[in-house]
Protein backbone atom coordinates (compact mmCIF):
# COMPACT_ATOMS: atom_id res chain seq x y z
CA VAL A 1 100.91 95.16 120.55
CA SER A 2 104.62 95.62 121.81
CA TRP A 3 103.46 94.57 125.28
CA ARG A 4 102.13 91.22 124.08
CA ALA A 5 99.00 92.03 125.15
CA GLY A 6 95.45 92.68 123.83
CA GLY A 7 92.17 90.93 122.47
CA ARG A 8 90.66 90.45 119.13
CA ALA A 9 89.82 92.96 116.43
CA ALA A 10 86.35 92.38 115.02
CA ARG A 11 87.96 93.10 111.44
CA ALA A 12 91.44 93.46 110.40
CA TYR A 13 92.60 94.85 107.20
CA PHE A 14 96.12 94.91 105.58
CA PRO A 15 96.11 97.33 102.61
CA ALA A 16 98.41 96.68 99.59
CA ASP A 17 99.18 100.24 98.99
CA LEU A 18 97.65 103.71 99.34
CA ASN A 19 95.37 103.44 96.51
CA ASP A 20 94.17 100.15 97.95
CA LEU A 21 93.46 101.77 101.53
CA GLY A 22 91.55 104.55 99.99
CA GLU A 23 89.33 101.78 97.95
CA TYR A 24 89.11 99.95 101.15
CA LEU A 25 87.78 102.92 103.10
CA ARG A 26 85.19 103.99 100.69
CA THR A 27 83.55 100.39 101.54
CA LEU A 28 83.11 101.33 105.35
CA GLY A 29 80.08 102.70 106.61
CA THR A 30 80.30 105.92 108.48
CA GLY A 31 79.35 104.30 112.00
CA GLU A 32 82.35 101.95 111.46
CA SER A 33 85.08 102.61 114.25
CA VAL A 34 88.47 102.61 112.50
CA LEU A 35 91.81 102.29 114.14
CA MET A 36 94.89 102.82 112.48
CA VAL A 37 98.20 100.73 113.81
CA GLY A 38 101.73 100.80 112.74
CA LEU A 39 103.87 98.65 114.99
CA GLY A 40 101.73 98.77 118.20
CA SER A 41 104.54 100.08 120.18
CA ASN A 42 102.39 103.02 121.77
CA LEU A 43 98.87 100.98 122.28
CA LEU A 44 97.82 99.35 125.41
CA VAL A 45 94.82 97.10 123.80
CA ARG A 46 92.58 95.66 126.32
CA ASP A 47 91.61 91.83 126.42
CA GLY A 48 88.25 92.72 125.04
CA GLY A 49 89.58 93.61 121.73
CA PHE A 50 88.46 96.28 119.58
CA PRO A 51 85.00 96.04 118.02
CA GLY A 52 85.74 97.73 114.81
CA THR A 53 88.13 97.55 112.05
CA VAL A 54 91.94 97.62 112.59
CA ILE A 55 93.96 98.88 109.79
CA PHE A 56 97.69 97.71 109.65
CA THR A 57 99.82 99.88 107.90
CA HIS A 58 103.39 98.46 108.49
CA GLY A 59 104.87 96.51 105.53
CA ALA A 60 102.06 98.36 103.27
CA LEU A 61 102.35 101.94 103.23
CA ASN A 62 106.23 101.76 102.90
CA HIS A 63 107.20 104.16 100.22
CA LEU A 64 110.37 106.11 101.25
CA PHE A 65 112.16 108.60 98.62
CA LEU A 66 114.06 111.71 98.05
CA HIS A 67 111.59 114.66 96.86
CA ASP A 68 113.56 117.68 95.16
CA THR A 69 111.44 121.23 95.71
CA GLN A 70 112.46 124.57 95.08
CA ALA A 71 113.31 125.06 98.66
CA GLY A 72 115.69 121.95 98.67
CA ALA A 73 115.37 118.13 98.96
CA GLU A 74 112.56 116.61 101.24
CA ILE A 75 112.25 113.08 102.30
CA TYR A 76 108.64 111.65 101.66
CA ALA A 77 107.88 108.67 103.71
CA GLU A 78 104.63 106.85 104.10
CA ALA A 79 102.77 106.22 107.19
CA GLY A 80 104.11 102.35 107.43
CA VAL A 81 107.65 103.25 107.28
CA ALA A 82 109.52 102.37 110.49
CA SER A 83 110.75 105.50 111.91
CA PRO A 84 114.45 103.98 112.64
CA LYS A 85 114.37 103.01 108.70
CA LEU A 86 113.59 107.01 108.07
CA ALA A 87 116.63 107.87 110.44
CA ARG A 88 118.99 105.41 108.68
CA PHE A 89 117.64 106.76 105.19
CA ALA A 90 118.04 110.41 106.08
CA ALA A 91 121.96 109.53 107.02
CA VAL A 92 122.61 107.51 103.83
CA HIS A 93 121.52 110.66 101.67
CA GLN A 94 123.85 113.04 103.89
CA PHE A 95 121.13 114.59 106.10
CA GLU A 96 121.40 115.22 109.83
CA GLY A 97 118.58 115.90 112.21
CA ALA A 98 116.84 112.55 111.74
CA GLU A 99 118.69 110.62 114.18
CA PHE A 100 116.18 110.80 117.05
CA LEU A 101 113.84 108.92 115.18
CA ALA A 102 116.05 105.81 115.34
CA GLY A 103 114.98 105.82 119.13
CA VAL A 104 111.19 105.95 118.12
CA PRO A 105 109.97 102.19 118.07
CA GLY A 106 107.11 103.02 115.64
CA THR A 107 106.15 104.01 112.43
CA VAL A 108 106.17 107.27 110.66
CA GLY A 109 102.39 107.33 110.99
CA GLY A 110 102.25 107.08 114.84
CA ALA A 111 105.08 109.58 115.25
CA LEU A 112 102.88 112.15 113.30
CA ALA A 113 99.83 111.10 115.27
CA MET A 114 101.57 111.78 118.75
CA ASN A 115 104.34 114.15 117.61
CA ALA A 116 106.75 111.30 118.83
CA GLY A 117 110.25 112.39 120.09
CA CYS A 118 113.10 111.67 122.29
CA TYR A 119 116.91 113.15 123.23
CA GLY A 120 115.49 116.40 122.96
CA ALA A 121 113.91 116.41 119.24
CA GLU A 122 110.24 115.92 118.27
CA THR A 123 108.88 114.68 115.00
CA TRP A 124 106.71 117.81 114.06
CA GLU A 125 109.91 120.13 114.01
CA ARG A 126 111.05 118.47 110.99
CA VAL A 127 107.37 118.21 109.06
CA ALA A 128 107.27 120.28 105.80
CA ARG A 129 103.76 119.00 105.16
CA VAL A 130 101.55 115.82 105.57
CA HIS A 131 99.59 113.39 103.33
CA THR A 132 96.14 112.55 104.99
CA ILE A 133 93.46 110.36 103.67
CA ASP A 134 89.75 110.66 104.89
CA ARG A 135 87.05 108.11 105.40
CA GLY A 136 85.78 108.65 101.79
CA GLY A 137 89.45 107.39 100.57
CA GLN A 138 90.44 110.92 99.51
CA LEU A 139 93.86 112.11 99.87
CA HIS A 140 94.93 115.82 101.18
CA ILE A 141 97.93 117.64 101.70
CA ARG A 142 98.00 119.59 104.78
CA GLU A 143 100.54 122.10 106.22
CA PRO A 144 101.71 122.24 109.86
CA ARG A 145 99.78 125.08 110.79
CA GLU A 146 96.56 123.28 110.07
CA PHE A 147 97.19 121.40 113.15
CA SER A 148 97.85 122.16 117.12
CA ILE A 149 100.92 120.72 118.02
CA GLY A 150 102.15 120.04 121.48
CA TYR A 151 103.85 117.58 123.53
CA ARG A 152 102.89 114.17 122.44
CA GLN A 153 99.74 115.57 120.88
CA VAL A 154 98.62 116.60 117.54
CA VAL A 155 95.21 117.97 117.07
CA PRO A 156 93.41 118.96 113.63
CA LEU A 157 92.27 122.49 113.90
CA GLN A 158 89.29 121.93 111.15
CA ALA A 159 89.53 118.99 109.02
CA LYS A 160 88.30 116.04 111.04
CA GLY A 161 88.20 112.13 110.60
CA GLU A 162 91.53 111.90 108.43
CA PHE A 163 94.34 109.70 109.17
CA PHE A 164 98.12 110.53 108.31
CA ALA A 165 99.08 108.57 105.22
CA GLY A 166 102.71 109.97 104.87
CA ALA A 167 104.67 112.99 105.30
CA TRP A 168 107.59 115.36 103.63
CA PHE A 169 110.31 115.77 106.09
CA ARG A 170 112.86 118.50 105.94
CA PHE A 171 116.07 117.81 107.30
CA ARG A 172 119.48 119.83 107.24
CA HIS A 173 122.53 118.59 104.89
CA GLY A 174 125.31 117.35 106.77
CA GLU A 175 127.56 114.38 107.46
CA GLY A 176 126.15 110.92 106.82
CA VAL A 177 129.01 109.45 108.74
CA ARG A 178 128.49 111.80 111.74
CA ALA A 179 124.55 110.99 111.54
CA ARG A 180 125.16 107.38 111.57
CA ARG A 181 127.52 107.41 114.53
CA ALA A 182 125.09 109.59 116.28
CA ILE A 183 122.15 106.78 115.73
CA LYS A 184 124.63 104.01 116.70
CA GLU A 185 125.08 105.77 119.94
CA LEU A 186 121.52 106.45 120.43
CA LEU A 187 120.72 102.91 120.00
CA SER A 188 123.25 101.71 122.29
CA ARG A 189 121.93 104.18 124.93
CA ARG A 190 118.47 102.71 124.39
CA ILE A 191 119.59 99.11 124.66
CA ALA A 192 121.34 99.71 128.02
CA SER A 193 118.19 101.60 129.42
CA GLN A 194 115.38 99.61 128.29
CA PRO A 195 114.28 95.90 128.29
CA LEU A 196 114.11 95.51 124.68
CA ALA A 197 114.13 91.64 125.00
CA GLU A 198 111.04 91.56 127.03
CA PRO A 199 107.31 93.02 126.38
CA ASN A 200 107.67 96.54 126.82
CA ALA A 201 106.67 99.80 125.13
CA GLY A 202 109.89 101.93 126.15
CA SER A 203 109.18 104.74 128.52
CA VAL A 204 105.47 105.21 129.39
CA PHE A 205 105.77 108.63 131.19
CA ARG A 206 104.64 111.72 129.89
CA ASN A 207 106.47 114.96 131.53
CA PRO A 208 104.05 117.31 132.96
CA SER A 209 104.18 120.95 132.18
CA GLY A 210 107.26 122.58 133.36
CA ASP A 211 108.73 119.39 134.86
CA PHE A 212 110.27 116.16 134.13
CA ALA A 213 108.87 112.66 134.84
CA ALA A 214 112.34 111.35 135.74
CA ARG A 215 113.07 113.99 138.22
CA LEU A 216 109.79 113.43 140.02
CA ILE A 217 110.32 109.76 140.29
CA GLU A 218 113.80 110.27 141.51
CA SER A 219 112.54 112.86 144.24
CA CYS A 220 110.08 110.43 145.60
CA GLY A 221 112.82 107.92 146.18
CA LEU A 222 111.35 105.54 143.32
CA LYS A 223 113.98 105.21 140.92
CA GLY A 224 114.80 102.00 140.06
């Protein structure tokens, strides 16, 4: 993981594409523990490792394209697409509102699973629909209303045992130049505030309800 820590996985699988992933999931028994991993930037893995199957999506589930609908253009991104890549793709195609994803050092799948966000924006604010895949390899399209979505938490209301395979995102039309400039400024702030050259996972704090971790740390005299 990005902390450069962790142990061995009992089994590791790198799918060729979404169809291949479905075929592989159908071979697993119902008792097999499965962990989906993108870039490993929000995981802390014990030295003892993981006694099940780890499926690595980055570099495999990487389809990213414009999708025209009656409501307007959407961007479809599979779970293995890096969040910053989605932010840049949106800017190139004259969309605004995806810039914050440039500051999320993970994949679309991870961002969906935890409602990742930064600088005042969150992933599920931009989600139109999601693609999921179940343990039988079957694909589903789910609406945001089928999930309980909160701060760094996404819980399915009914369908269980499904993994995020991708999503359709809806951003507002705007100026690509302005979006790219915002991405550049955001990344500069991140480089200045986080030790990206060292093993790290960015900010590891969760804001308590009605307050901010940064304020609490500073009020205790622990800033720095």
